[in-house]
Amino acid sequence: MKLVKSLIGRSEKQIATAKALGLKKAGDVTTQPDNAATHGKINRISHMVEVTKA
C-alpha cells in the first residue's frame, strides 16, 4: 500500500494508524499481511492510502 495524502492536519488516531502500518510520510510504500487487523486499519485511513495486491 502507498500513502497518497500527507498526515499533516490529520487526527491523532489517523496518524497512529498510518504509523502502525509503516507509513510515515506521503509517498511511503509498505507491504502488509492480508488479515482482518490490516483491513480494519486500512478502512480507518482509506481516503489517504492506495492499496494494491502484491
N, C-alpha and C. Protein backbone atom coordinates (compact mmCIF):
# COMPACT_ATOMS: atom_id res chain seq x y z
N MET A 1 0.84 -1.17 0.00
CA MET A 1 0.00 0.00 0.00
C MET A 1 0.88 1.23 0.00
N LYS A 2 0.31 2.33 -0.44
CA LYS A 2 1.05 3.58 -0.57
C LYS A 2 0.26 4.71 0.08
N LEU A 3 0.96 5.52 0.87
CA LEU A 3 0.33 6.70 1.47
C LEU A 3 0.30 7.81 0.43
N VAL A 4 -0.89 8.16 -0.03
CA VAL A 4 -1.06 9.12 -1.12
C VAL A 4 -1.19 10.54 -0.59
N LYS A 5 -1.84 10.71 0.56
CA LYS A 5 -2.05 12.05 1.12
C LYS A 5 -1.21 12.22 2.38
N SER A 6 -0.82 13.44 2.66
CA SER A 6 0.01 13.77 3.80
C SER A 6 -0.73 13.56 5.12
N LEU A 7 0.04 13.36 6.19
CA LEU A 7 -0.53 13.20 7.53
C LEU A 7 -0.73 14.55 8.23
N ILE A 8 -0.30 15.63 7.62
CA ILE A 8 -0.43 16.96 8.22
C ILE A 8 -1.91 17.31 8.36
N GLY A 9 -2.30 17.74 9.55
CA GLY A 9 -3.68 18.15 9.80
C GLY A 9 -4.63 17.00 10.07
N ARG A 10 -4.12 15.78 10.14
CA ARG A 10 -4.97 14.61 10.40
C ARG A 10 -5.10 14.40 11.91
N SER A 11 -6.09 13.63 12.30
CA SER A 11 -6.30 13.37 13.73
C SER A 11 -5.19 12.45 14.26
N GLU A 12 -5.03 12.48 15.57
CA GLU A 12 -4.02 11.64 16.22
C GLU A 12 -4.23 10.16 15.89
N LYS A 13 -5.50 9.73 15.86
CA LYS A 13 -5.80 8.33 15.56
C LYS A 13 -5.40 7.95 14.14
N GLN A 14 -5.64 8.84 13.19
CA GLN A 14 -5.27 8.56 11.80
C GLN A 14 -3.75 8.49 11.65
N ILE A 15 -3.04 9.38 12.31
CA ILE A 15 -1.58 9.37 12.26
C ILE A 15 -1.05 8.10 12.88
N ALA A 16 -1.59 7.70 14.03
CA ALA A 16 -1.15 6.48 14.71
C ALA A 16 -1.43 5.25 13.85
N THR A 17 -2.57 5.22 13.19
CA THR A 17 -2.92 4.09 12.32
C THR A 17 -1.95 4.00 11.15
N ALA A 18 -1.64 5.12 10.53
CA ALA A 18 -0.70 5.13 9.41
C ALA A 18 0.68 4.66 9.86
N LYS A 19 1.13 5.13 11.01
CA LYS A 19 2.44 4.72 11.51
C LYS A 19 2.46 3.24 11.87
N ALA A 20 1.34 2.71 12.37
CA ALA A 20 1.25 1.28 12.69
C ALA A 20 1.36 0.43 11.43
N LEU A 21 0.96 1.01 10.30
CA LEU A 21 1.08 0.31 9.01
C LEU A 21 2.44 0.56 8.36
N GLY A 22 3.30 1.33 9.02
CA GLY A 22 4.63 1.59 8.48
C GLY A 22 4.69 2.74 7.50
N LEU A 23 3.69 3.62 7.54
CA LEU A 23 3.63 4.77 6.63
C LEU A 23 3.89 6.04 7.42
N LYS A 24 4.97 6.75 7.08
CA LYS A 24 5.34 7.93 7.86
C LYS A 24 5.13 9.23 7.12
N LYS A 25 5.31 9.22 5.80
CA LYS A 25 5.13 10.44 5.02
C LYS A 25 4.55 10.11 3.66
N ALA A 26 4.01 11.10 3.00
CA ALA A 26 3.38 10.89 1.69
C ALA A 26 4.37 10.24 0.73
N GLY A 27 3.90 9.22 0.02
CA GLY A 27 4.74 8.51 -0.92
C GLY A 27 5.35 7.24 -0.37
N ASP A 28 5.28 7.04 0.94
CA ASP A 28 5.81 5.81 1.54
C ASP A 28 5.03 4.60 1.06
N VAL A 29 5.75 3.51 0.81
CA VAL A 29 5.14 2.27 0.34
C VAL A 29 5.51 1.16 1.31
N THR A 30 4.56 0.29 1.62
CA THR A 30 4.81 -0.83 2.52
C THR A 30 3.99 -2.03 2.10
N THR A 31 4.43 -3.21 2.51
CA THR A 31 3.70 -4.45 2.27
C THR A 31 3.21 -4.97 3.61
N GLN A 32 1.93 -5.31 3.68
CA GLN A 32 1.32 -5.79 4.92
C GLN A 32 0.63 -7.12 4.68
N PRO A 33 0.48 -7.94 5.74
CA PRO A 33 -0.25 -9.20 5.59
C PRO A 33 -1.73 -8.96 5.31
N ASP A 34 -2.35 -9.90 4.63
CA ASP A 34 -3.77 -9.79 4.27
C ASP A 34 -4.60 -10.45 5.36
N ASN A 35 -4.92 -9.69 6.42
CA ASN A 35 -5.73 -10.24 7.51
C ASN A 35 -6.73 -9.20 8.00
N ALA A 36 -7.57 -9.59 8.92
CA ALA A 36 -8.65 -8.73 9.40
C ALA A 36 -8.12 -7.46 10.07
N ALA A 37 -7.04 -7.58 10.83
CA ALA A 37 -6.49 -6.41 11.53
C ALA A 37 -6.01 -5.36 10.53
N THR A 38 -5.34 -5.81 9.50
CA THR A 38 -4.85 -4.89 8.47
C THR A 38 -6.01 -4.24 7.72
N HIS A 39 -7.04 -5.02 7.42
CA HIS A 39 -8.21 -4.48 6.72
C HIS A 39 -8.89 -3.40 7.56
N GLY A 40 -8.96 -3.60 8.87
CA GLY A 40 -9.56 -2.60 9.75
C GLY A 40 -8.77 -1.31 9.76
N LYS A 41 -7.44 -1.42 9.77
CA LYS A 41 -6.59 -0.22 9.74
C LYS A 41 -6.74 0.52 8.42
N ILE A 42 -6.79 -0.25 7.33
CA ILE A 42 -6.95 0.37 6.01
C ILE A 42 -8.28 1.10 5.92
N ASN A 43 -9.33 0.52 6.48
CA ASN A 43 -10.65 1.17 6.46
C ASN A 43 -10.65 2.50 7.18
N ARG A 44 -9.85 2.63 8.24
CA ARG A 44 -9.79 3.88 9.00
C ARG A 44 -9.15 5.01 8.21
N ILE A 45 -8.19 4.67 7.33
CA ILE A 45 -7.49 5.71 6.58
C ILE A 45 -7.59 5.46 5.07
N SER A 46 -8.69 4.88 4.64
CA SER A 46 -8.85 4.50 3.23
C SER A 46 -8.79 5.70 2.29
N HIS A 47 -9.17 6.88 2.76
CA HIS A 47 -9.15 8.07 1.93
C HIS A 47 -7.73 8.62 1.74
N MET A 48 -6.76 8.06 2.46
CA MET A 48 -5.38 8.54 2.39
C MET A 48 -4.43 7.55 1.74
N VAL A 49 -4.86 6.31 1.53
CA VAL A 49 -3.96 5.29 1.01
C VAL A 49 -4.47 4.71 -0.30
N GLU A 50 -3.53 4.12 -1.03
CA GLU A 50 -3.84 3.42 -2.28
C GLU A 50 -3.38 1.98 -2.06
N VAL A 51 -4.29 1.03 -2.17
CA VAL A 51 -3.98 -0.37 -1.88
C VAL A 51 -3.97 -1.17 -3.17
N THR A 52 -2.91 -1.98 -3.33
CA THR A 52 -2.81 -2.89 -4.47
C THR A 52 -2.37 -4.25 -3.96
N LYS A 53 -2.74 -5.29 -4.68
CA LYS A 53 -2.30 -6.64 -4.33
C LYS A 53 -0.86 -6.81 -4.76
N ALA A 54 -0.08 -7.48 -3.93
CA ALA A 54 1.34 -7.70 -4.24
C ALA A 54 1.53 -8.89 -5.15
